[in-house]
Structure formats: C-alpha cells, structure tokens
Amino acid sequence: GIPPAGVVATGNQRRSLVLAQPKAGMGGLEDLDGLTRLVVQAYAAVNVAPACGQIPEALGPSHVFRVFSGQLGQGEQVPEVAWLHEQPDFRELTLKAFRFAFKITVDCIAMTEDASELEYSELDVALQELERGWHLGEENSPAWQAAMEHRVPNLMALRRSGTSDIQVLRHTLREDGARVGELRSEVVQSIWASESLELRYLTNDDDERYSIQAHPTLLRNMIVQSAEYPIFVSPPTTVWL
C-alpha cells in the first residue's frame, strides 16, 4: 500500500531535504496535499539525499545508472532513504516513475525536443504507452525474466561498459519467420541409393566430393549425412544350409 504522507526528519549534517524547508512567505511539506507530499519526499530520497548538499545534477550518470537499476542502498543511513526502504510498494512505484522519466527524456533528446516543454496530454500518452508495452528495469532480474515470459513487446535496461560508459539496452519482440519443407520418402531413398552406389562401386572414397554435396534445393548433403552406414545396418539373418 501507499504510505501515509508524513514529514521525514532531515539529517543534521547532510541537510538533504531541502525541498521540505519553508521559504519566506511559503509553507513546508505540511502545507502540501498528500500526493504532492509523497512526490516531494520520494524525489528527496532519490535525488537530493545522495547529493550530500550539492545540486542533484552533480551526481552524474552513475547516479542515474544506480537508481535505474534499483540500487538505493548507498544512502540507507540517511533518514529519507531509510524511510523509502521501509515502504517497499512505494519504493517500487518511485523506481518505476524514475525509469519512465528517464525513458521519456531519452526519447525527447533523440528527437531534439525539450522534455520539460511537453504538454500534459503528450506526457499522458507517453506514460500510457510505457505502461502498456514496456518493461524498464535491471537486466536479467526476476522482473526482467517475467516480462520476457509474458512477451512484453519492449524491454529496456542500462548496461555499464567499462568504467565510465553507460549503454542503453533495448529489446523489441518480433516474429521470426521460418520456411518449412517436406521431401517424399522416395526422394530420400533415391539419394541414399545413389550415395551407396558411388561409395561401393565407383572406386572413389572421397566423402567430400561434389556429387554428394550437390543439389542444395533437395538438401542433398544433409540427407547423405543422415544415411545409415551400409554395413551391419539390417538385423542378423540366419541362413540354413
């Protein structure tokens, strides 16, 4: 369930919950409605508390990679992060919102657009599309495996390459067509008979000669390789003299 909206205590040294501190003429978290308060507290736990007093942008790509992968453990001693860990359902919703925001931002960058200028209607369409047809999360996690089993159309994860490079990994579900053919048994038996004739009576024991490998349409090479060895193939036969 969703945790009750309460005020989270701020650490004395880190002073991380900057958004909760009232400004001149403004109230603090207590003046916000419940949903807005939860959003502020989640943002503070994910982006403000780990910054240790710096601006969130100073955390860099590594912070994006860690949060996208669900790694929020580095600041568990911070009250804001500890509170978020105590709310597992809300923690998953927070990570999901972070991943959705990252995906929309990447799409806007690719289209040379500014994500902050999206209309609410456009943002709503993008979020609904992500909800219906995407799974965003850590590669090879149980949730990732479950999404593959449920044939979710699109999967997206982040992968670290080397020490500083971060790659975006994307999988799209597609149908892979295949051709299926059938050969009559007379065709296969005739090729086996031709092979036996060549190996026994034409004094040529070269298994790689062209006459055996020819005719790719009939899969001659594969059919020849599947033939039984001509010696001791049939069951024992008793002859009475």
C-alpha atoms as a PDB file:
ATOM      1  CA  GLY A   1       0.000   0.000   0.000  1.00  0.00           C
ATOM      2  CA  ILE A   2       0.883   3.670  -0.256  1.00  0.00           C
ATOM      3  CA  PRO A   3       2.475   5.012   2.938  1.00  0.00           C
ATOM      4  CA  PRO A   4       0.794   7.869   4.778  1.00  0.00           C
ATOM      5  CA  ALA A   5       2.137  11.253   3.838  1.00  0.00           C
ATOM      6  CA  GLY A   6       4.280  12.387   6.712  1.00  0.00           C
ATOM      7  CA  VAL A   7       7.201  14.720   7.209  1.00  0.00           C
ATOM      8  CA  VAL A   8      10.587  12.989   7.100  1.00  0.00           C
ATOM      9  CA  ALA A   9      13.212  14.260   9.514  1.00  0.00           C
ATOM     10  CA  THR A  10      16.255  15.829   7.926  1.00  0.00           C
ATOM     11  CA  GLY A  11      19.762  14.776   8.943  1.00  0.00           C
ATOM     12  CA  ASN A  12      21.751  17.411  10.822  1.00  0.00           C
ATOM     13  CA  GLN A  13      24.858  17.098   8.662  1.00  0.00           C
ATOM     14  CA  ARG A  14      23.523  16.343   5.215  1.00  0.00           C
ATOM     15  CA  ARG A  15      20.624  18.813   5.205  1.00  0.00           C
ATOM     16  CA  SER A  16      19.254  16.780   2.352  1.00  0.00           C
ATOM     17  CA  LEU A  17      15.533  17.521   2.443  1.00  0.00           C
ATOM     18  CA  VAL A  18      15.919  20.990   1.004  1.00  0.00           C
ATOM     19  CA  LEU A  19      12.522  20.905  -0.626  1.00  0.00           C
ATOM     20  CA  ALA A  20      10.828  20.475   2.753  1.00  0.00           C
ATOM     21  CA  GLN A  21      12.238  23.641   4.226  1.00  0.00           C
ATOM     22  CA  PRO A  22       9.818  26.575   4.003  1.00  0.00           C
ATOM     23  CA  LYS A  23      10.813  29.736   2.266  1.00  0.00           C
ATOM     24  CA  ALA A  24       9.754  33.267   3.042  1.00  0.00           C
ATOM     25  CA  GLY A  25       6.010  33.508   2.657  1.00  0.00           C
ATOM     26  CA  MET A  26       5.676  29.799   1.900  1.00  0.00           C
ATOM     27  CA  GLY A  27       4.789  26.756   3.968  1.00  0.00           C
ATOM     28  CA  GLY A  28       6.696  23.477   4.196  1.00  0.00           C
ATOM     29  CA  LEU A  29       5.574  19.927   3.492  1.00  0.00           C
ATOM     30  CA  GLU A  30       2.736  20.242   5.957  1.00  0.00           C
ATOM     31  CA  ASP A  31       1.035  22.716   3.599  1.00  0.00           C
ATOM     32  CA  LEU A  32       1.039  20.275   0.672  1.00  0.00           C
ATOM     33  CA  ASP A  33      -1.658  17.759  -0.132  1.00  0.00           C
ATOM     34  CA  GLY A  34      -0.922  14.087   0.479  1.00  0.00           C
ATOM     35  CA  LEU A  35       0.039  13.109  -3.069  1.00  0.00           C
ATOM     36  CA  THR A  36       2.312  16.109  -3.609  1.00  0.00           C
ATOM     37  CA  ARG A  37       3.984  15.469  -0.266  1.00  0.00           C
ATOM     38  CA  LEU A  38       4.758  11.871  -1.261  1.00  0.00           C
ATOM     39  CA  VAL A  39       6.200  13.029  -4.576  1.00  0.00           C
ATOM     40  CA  VAL A  40       8.446  15.553  -2.813  1.00  0.00           C
ATOM     41  CA  GLN A  41       9.644  13.001  -0.267  1.00  0.00           C
ATOM     42  CA  ALA A  42      10.357  10.408  -2.978  1.00  0.00           C
ATOM     43  CA  TYR A  43      12.293  12.949  -5.021  1.00  0.00           C
ATOM     44  CA  ALA A  44      14.296  13.972  -1.971  1.00  0.00           C
ATOM     45  CA  ALA A  45      15.167  10.364  -1.136  1.00  0.00           C
ATOM     46  CA  VAL A  46      16.278   9.549  -4.681  1.00  0.00           C
ATOM     47  CA  ASN A  47      17.920  12.744  -5.942  1.00  0.00           C
ATOM     48  CA  VAL A  48      18.538  15.124  -3.038  1.00  0.00           C
ATOM     49  CA  ALA A  49      19.761  12.978  -0.150  1.00  0.00           C
ATOM     50  CA  PRO A  50      22.562  11.245  -2.142  1.00  0.00           C
ATOM     51  CA  ALA A  51      23.882  14.645  -3.282  1.00  0.00           C
ATOM     52  CA  CYS A  52      25.141  15.483   0.240  1.00  0.00           C
ATOM     53  CA  GLY A  53      24.243  19.139  -0.079  1.00  0.00           C
ATOM     54  CA  GLN A  54      25.162  19.536  -3.753  1.00  0.00           C
ATOM     55  CA  ILE A  55      22.713  20.012  -6.594  1.00  0.00           C
ATOM     56  CA  PRO A  56      21.271  16.704  -7.917  1.00  0.00           C
ATOM     57  CA  GLU A  57      22.847  17.307 -11.342  1.00  0.00           C
ATOM     58  CA  ALA A  58      26.284  16.930  -9.733  1.00  0.00           C
ATOM     59  CA  LEU A  59      25.634  13.215  -9.126  1.00  0.00           C
ATOM     60  CA  GLY A  60      26.300  12.425 -12.791  1.00  0.00           C
ATOM     61  CA  PRO A  61      25.415   9.440 -14.995  1.00  0.00           C
ATOM     62  CA  SER A  62      26.485   6.887 -12.373  1.00  0.00           C
ATOM     63  CA  HIS A  63      23.636   8.015 -10.136  1.00  0.00           C
ATOM     64  CA  VAL A  64      21.151   7.555 -12.991  1.00  0.00           C
ATOM     65  CA  PHE A  65      22.515   4.070 -13.615  1.00  0.00           C
ATOM     66  CA  ARG A  66      22.267   3.066  -9.951  1.00  0.00           C
ATOM     67  CA  VAL A  67      18.717   4.321  -9.466  1.00  0.00           C
ATOM     68  CA  PHE A  68      17.536   2.867 -12.782  1.00  0.00           C
ATOM     69  CA  SER A  69      18.953  -0.490 -11.667  1.00  0.00           C
ATOM     70  CA  GLY A  70      17.184  -0.228  -8.323  1.00  0.00           C
ATOM     71  CA  GLN A  71      20.320   0.381  -6.265  1.00  0.00           C
ATOM     72  CA  LEU A  72      19.321   2.761  -3.485  1.00  0.00           C
ATOM     73  CA  GLY A  73      21.393   1.183  -0.734  1.00  0.00           C
ATOM     74  CA  GLN A  74      24.331   3.584  -0.588  1.00  0.00           C
ATOM     75  CA  GLY A  75      22.445   6.112   1.492  1.00  0.00           C
ATOM     76  CA  GLU A  76      20.374   3.847   3.739  1.00  0.00           C
ATOM     77  CA  GLN A  77      21.617   5.704   6.808  1.00  0.00           C
ATOM     78  CA  VAL A  78      20.039   8.918   5.521  1.00  0.00           C
ATOM     79  CA  PRO A  79      16.543   9.295   7.042  1.00  0.00           C
ATOM     80  CA  GLU A  80      14.890   9.991   3.683  1.00  0.00           C
ATOM     81  CA  VAL A  81      16.349   6.872   2.072  1.00  0.00           C
ATOM     82  CA  ALA A  82      15.707   4.722   5.143  1.00  0.00           C
ATOM     83  CA  TRP A  83      12.064   5.850   5.106  1.00  0.00           C
ATOM     84  CA  LEU A  84      11.753   4.885   1.440  1.00  0.00           C
ATOM     85  CA  HIS A  85      13.189   1.412   2.121  1.00  0.00           C
ATOM     86  CA  GLU A  86      10.574   0.911   4.804  1.00  0.00           C
ATOM     87  CA  GLN A  87       7.849   1.349   2.159  1.00  0.00           C
ATOM     88  CA  PRO A  88       8.565  -1.451  -0.383  1.00  0.00           C
ATOM     89  CA  ASP A  89       5.464  -0.839  -2.507  1.00  0.00           C
ATOM     90  CA  PHE A  90       6.032   2.897  -2.662  1.00  0.00           C
ATOM     91  CA  ARG A  91       9.737   2.295  -3.332  1.00  0.00           C
ATOM     92  CA  GLU A  92       8.858   0.245  -6.420  1.00  0.00           C
ATOM     93  CA  LEU A  93       6.489   2.987  -7.609  1.00  0.00           C
ATOM     94  CA  THR A  94       9.265   5.543  -7.117  1.00  0.00           C
ATOM     95  CA  LEU A  95      11.740   3.488  -9.169  1.00  0.00           C
ATOM     96  CA  LYS A  96       9.113   2.973 -11.846  1.00  0.00           C
ATOM     97  CA  ALA A  97       8.484   6.727 -12.075  1.00  0.00           C
ATOM     98  CA  PHE A  98      12.238   7.377 -12.303  1.00  0.00           C
ATOM     99  CA  ARG A  99      12.614   4.866 -15.140  1.00  0.00           C
ATOM    100  CA  PHE A 100       9.631   6.250 -17.016  1.00  0.00           C
ATOM    101  CA  ALA A 101      11.033   9.773 -16.685  1.00  0.00           C
ATOM    102  CA  PHE A 102      14.417   8.587 -17.963  1.00  0.00           C
ATOM    103  CA  LYS A 103      12.853   6.871 -20.989  1.00  0.00           C
ATOM    104  CA  ILE A 104      10.779   9.914 -21.933  1.00  0.00           C
ATOM    105  CA  THR A 105      13.819  12.177 -21.528  1.00  0.00           C
ATOM    106  CA  VAL A 106      15.958   9.961 -23.773  1.00  0.00           C
ATOM    107  CA  ASP A 107      13.224   9.939 -26.432  1.00  0.00           C
ATOM    108  CA  CYS A 108      12.995  13.727 -26.327  1.00  0.00           C
ATOM    109  CA  ILE A 109      16.761  14.076 -26.646  1.00  0.00           C
ATOM    110  CA  ALA A 110      16.734  11.772 -29.656  1.00  0.00           C
ATOM    111  CA  MET A 111      14.039  13.960 -31.247  1.00  0.00           C
ATOM    112  CA  THR A 112      15.898  17.170 -30.271  1.00  0.00           C
ATOM    113  CA  GLU A 113      12.987  18.166 -28.043  1.00  0.00           C
ATOM    114  CA  ASP A 114      12.847  19.531 -24.504  1.00  0.00           C
ATOM    115  CA  ALA A 115      11.130  17.106 -22.130  1.00  0.00           C
ATOM    116  CA  SER A 116      10.165  19.965 -19.800  1.00  0.00           C
ATOM    117  CA  GLU A 117       8.092  21.524 -22.584  1.00  0.00           C
ATOM    118  CA  LEU A 118       5.849  18.502 -23.156  1.00  0.00           C
ATOM    119  CA  GLU A 119       2.150  19.195 -22.875  1.00  0.00           C
ATOM    120  CA  TYR A 120       0.285  17.218 -20.227  1.00  0.00           C
ATOM    121  CA  SER A 121      -1.678  15.448 -22.952  1.00  0.00           C
ATOM    122  CA  GLU A 122       1.548  14.380 -24.687  1.00  0.00           C
ATOM    123  CA  LEU A 123       3.046  13.236 -21.405  1.00  0.00           C
ATOM    124  CA  ASP A 124      -0.086  11.240 -20.604  1.00  0.00           C
ATOM    125  CA  VAL A 125       0.073   9.459 -23.969  1.00  0.00           C
ATOM    126  CA  ALA A 126       3.759   8.637 -23.442  1.00  0.00           C
ATOM    127  CA  LEU A 127       3.142   7.280 -19.950  1.00  0.00           C
ATOM    128  CA  GLN A 128       0.244   5.117 -21.091  1.00  0.00           C
ATOM    129  CA  GLU A 129       2.380   3.691 -23.896  1.00  0.00           C
ATOM    130  CA  LEU A 130       5.145   2.820 -21.422  1.00  0.00           C
ATOM    131  CA  GLU A 131       2.610   1.227 -19.078  1.00  0.00           C
ATOM    132  CA  ARG A 132       1.114  -0.950 -21.812  1.00  0.00           C
ATOM    133  CA  GLY A 133       4.098  -2.046 -23.872  1.00  0.00           C
ATOM    134  CA  TRP A 134       7.355  -1.575 -21.953  1.00  0.00           C
ATOM    135  CA  HIS A 135       9.319  -3.081 -19.123  1.00  0.00           C
ATOM    136  CA  LEU A 136      12.102  -0.895 -17.756  1.00  0.00           C
ATOM    137  CA  GLY A 137      14.466  -2.289 -15.176  1.00  0.00           C
ATOM    138  CA  GLU A 138      17.598  -4.214 -14.358  1.00  0.00           C
ATOM    139  CA  GLU A 139      18.771  -6.712 -16.958  1.00  0.00           C
ATOM    140  CA  ASN A 140      18.418 -10.415 -16.014  1.00  0.00           C
ATOM    141  CA  SER A 141      16.470  -9.612 -12.843  1.00  0.00           C
ATOM    142  CA  PRO A 142      13.433 -11.753 -11.881  1.00  0.00           C
ATOM    143  CA  ALA A 143      11.142  -8.959 -13.132  1.00  0.00           C
ATOM    144  CA  TRP A 144      13.064  -8.897 -16.436  1.00  0.00           C
ATOM    145  CA  GLN A 145      12.660 -12.669 -16.808  1.00  0.00           C
ATOM    146  CA  ALA A 146       8.956 -12.438 -16.003  1.00  0.00           C
ATOM    147  CA  ALA A 147       8.493  -9.719 -18.632  1.00  0.00           C
ATOM    148  CA  MET A 148      10.149 -11.930 -21.238  1.00  0.00           C
ATOM    149  CA  GLU A 149       7.919 -14.866 -20.281  1.00  0.00           C
ATOM    150  CA  HIS A 150       4.840 -12.644 -20.620  1.00  0.00           C
ATOM    151  CA  ARG A 151       6.085 -11.469 -24.034  1.00  0.00           C
ATOM    152  CA  VAL A 152       6.162  -7.777 -23.171  1.00  0.00           C
ATOM    153  CA  PRO A 153       6.741  -6.030 -26.547  1.00  0.00           C
ATOM    154  CA  ASN A 154       9.662  -3.854 -25.412  1.00  0.00           C
ATOM    155  CA  LEU A 155      12.379  -4.240 -22.781  1.00  0.00           C
ATOM    156  CA  MET A 156      14.871  -1.570 -21.758  1.00  0.00           C
ATOM    157  CA  ALA A 157      17.796  -1.578 -19.345  1.00  0.00           C
ATOM    158  CA  LEU A 158      21.051   0.227 -18.701  1.00  0.00           C
ATOM    159  CA  ARG A 159      24.382  -1.558 -19.007  1.00  0.00           C
ATOM    160  CA  ARG A 160      27.754  -0.327 -17.819  1.00  0.00           C
ATOM    161  CA  SER A 161      30.557  -0.622 -20.373  1.00  0.00           C
ATOM    162  CA  GLY A 162      33.991  -0.146 -18.880  1.00  0.00           C
ATOM    163  CA  THR A 163      34.410   2.276 -16.016  1.00  0.00           C
ATOM    164  CA  SER A 164      32.564   5.339 -17.264  1.00  0.00           C
ATOM    165  CA  ASP A 165      30.450   4.410 -20.309  1.00  0.00           C
ATOM    166  CA  ILE A 166      26.772   3.569 -19.845  1.00  0.00           C
ATOM    167  CA  GLN A 167      24.806   1.944 -22.652  1.00  0.00           C
ATOM    168  CA  VAL A 168      21.056   1.815 -23.236  1.00  0.00           C
ATOM    169  CA  LEU A 169      19.958  -1.757 -23.919  1.00  0.00           C
ATOM    170  CA  ARG A 170      16.686  -2.221 -25.775  1.00  0.00           C
ATOM    171  CA  HIS A 171      14.954  -5.407 -26.918  1.00  0.00           C
ATOM    172  CA  THR A 172      11.913  -5.494 -29.177  1.00  0.00           C
ATOM    173  CA  LEU A 173       9.710  -8.561 -29.553  1.00  0.00           C
ATOM    174  CA  ARG A 174       9.381  -9.604 -33.188  1.00  0.00           C
ATOM    175  CA  GLU A 175       8.121 -12.620 -35.026  1.00  0.00           C
ATOM    176  CA  ASP A 176      10.875 -14.625 -36.714  1.00  0.00           C
ATOM    177  CA  GLY A 177       9.572 -16.371 -39.817  1.00  0.00           C
ATOM    178  CA  ALA A 178      10.912 -19.737 -40.924  1.00  0.00           C
ATOM    179  CA  ARG A 179      10.354 -21.877 -44.012  1.00  0.00           C
ATOM    180  CA  VAL A 180       9.299 -25.484 -43.559  1.00  0.00           C
ATOM    181  CA  GLY A 181       9.623 -28.017 -46.359  1.00  0.00           C
ATOM    182  CA  GLU A 182       8.864 -31.685 -46.840  1.00  0.00           C
ATOM    183  CA  LEU A 183      10.522 -34.302 -49.041  1.00  0.00           C
ATOM    184  CA  ARG A 184       8.836 -37.522 -50.111  1.00  0.00           C
ATOM    185  CA  SER A 185      10.420 -40.686 -48.805  1.00  0.00           C
ATOM    186  CA  GLU A 186      11.169 -41.797 -52.411  1.00  0.00           C
ATOM    187  CA  VAL A 187      13.434 -38.749 -52.861  1.00  0.00           C
ATOM    188  CA  VAL A 188      15.414 -39.504 -49.702  1.00  0.00           C
ATOM    189  CA  GLN A 189      15.759 -43.194 -50.522  1.00  0.00           C
ATOM    190  CA  SER A 190      16.927 -42.442 -54.048  1.00  0.00           C
ATOM    191  CA  ILE A 191      19.668 -40.129 -52.736  1.00  0.00           C
ATOM    192  CA  TRP A 192      20.756 -42.800 -50.246  1.00  0.00           C
ATOM    193  CA  ALA A 193      20.856 -45.366 -53.032  1.00  0.00           C
ATOM    194  CA  SER A 194      22.948 -43.049 -55.214  1.00  0.00           C
ATOM    195  CA  GLU A 195      25.384 -42.497 -52.351  1.00  0.00           C
ATOM    196  CA  SER A 196      25.693 -46.224 -51.714  1.00  0.00           C
ATOM    197  CA  LEU A 197      26.337 -46.861 -55.401  1.00  0.00           C
ATOM    198  CA  GLU A 198      29.120 -44.275 -55.531  1.00  0.00           C
ATOM    199  CA  LEU A 199      30.834 -45.427 -52.348  1.00  0.00           C
ATOM    200  CA  ARG A 200      30.718 -49.121 -53.190  1.00  0.00           C
ATOM    201  CA  TYR A 201      31.184 -49.444 -56.933  1.00  0.00           C
ATOM    202  CA  LEU A 202      32.711 -46.265 -58.365  1.00  0.00           C
ATOM    203  CA  THR A 203      36.082 -46.699 -56.585  1.00  0.00           C
ATOM    204  CA  ASN A 204      36.019 -43.253 -55.023  1.00  0.00           C
ATOM    205  CA  ASP A 205      36.047 -42.933 -51.225  1.00  0.00           C
ATOM    206  CA  ASP A 206      36.216 -39.127 -51.122  1.00  0.00           C
ATOM    207  CA  ASP A 207      33.292 -38.243 -48.817  1.00  0.00           C
ATOM    208  CA  GLU A 208      33.557 -34.539 -49.746  1.00  0.00           C
ATOM    209  CA  ARG A 209      33.228 -34.902 -53.489  1.00  0.00           C
ATOM    210  CA  TYR A 210      30.863 -32.607 -55.334  1.00  0.00           C
ATOM    211  CA  SER A 211      28.401 -35.285 -56.423  1.00  0.00           C
ATOM    212  CA  ILE A 212      27.378 -35.883 -52.813  1.00  0.00           C
ATOM    213  CA  GLN A 213      27.135 -32.223 -51.813  1.00  0.00           C
ATOM    214  CA  ALA A 214      25.359 -31.005 -54.957  1.00  0.00           C
ATOM    215  CA  HIS A 215      21.699 -30.033 -55.243  1.00  0.00           C
ATOM    216  CA  PRO A 216      21.129 -27.668 -52.266  1.00  0.00           C
ATOM    217  CA  THR A 217      17.405 -27.452 -53.042  1.00  0.00           C
ATOM    218  CA  LEU A 218      16.965 -31.096 -52.038  1.00  0.00           C
ATOM    219  CA  LEU A 219      19.314 -30.699 -49.060  1.00  0.00           C
ATOM    220  CA  ARG A 220      21.404 -33.498 -50.551  1.00  0.00           C
ATOM    221  CA  ASN A 221      24.372 -33.034 -48.237  1.00  0.00           C
ATOM    222  CA  MET A 222      22.213 -33.220 -45.098  1.00  0.00           C
ATOM    223  CA  ILE A 223      20.320 -36.255 -46.390  1.00  0.00           C
ATOM    224  CA  VAL A 224      23.576 -38.068 -47.210  1.00  0.00           C
ATOM    225  CA  GLN A 225      24.915 -37.383 -43.725  1.00  0.00           C
ATOM    226  CA  SER A 226      21.747 -38.816 -42.183  1.00  0.00           C
ATOM    227  CA  ALA A 227      22.052 -42.122 -44.048  1.00  0.00           C
ATOM    228  CA  GLU A 228      22.829 -45.243 -42.051  1.00  0.00           C
ATOM    229  CA  TYR A 229      26.249 -46.769 -42.528  1.00  0.00           C
ATOM    230  CA  PRO A 230      25.846 -49.509 -45.169  1.00  0.00           C
ATOM    231  CA  ILE A 231      27.479 -52.260 -43.082  1.00  0.00           C
ATOM    232  CA  PHE A 232      25.573 -54.148 -40.371  1.00  0.00           C
ATOM    233  CA  VAL A 233      22.503 -51.972 -40.755  1.00  0.00           C
ATOM    234  CA  SER A 234      19.974 -54.760 -41.199  1.00  0.00           C
ATOM    235  CA  PRO A 235      19.225 -57.211 -38.384  1.00  0.00           C
ATOM    236  CA  PRO A 236      21.089 -60.556 -38.360  1.00  0.00           C
ATOM    237  CA  THR A 237      19.832 -63.029 -40.942  1.00  0.00           C
ATOM    238  CA  THR A 238      20.106 -66.758 -40.318  1.00  0.00           C
ATOM    239  CA  VAL A 239      20.846 -68.954 -43.353  1.00  0.00           C
ATOM    240  CA  TRP A 240      20.317 -72.711 -43.106  1.00  0.00           C
ATOM    241  CA  LEU A 241      22.468 -74.876 -45.347  1.00  0.00           C
END
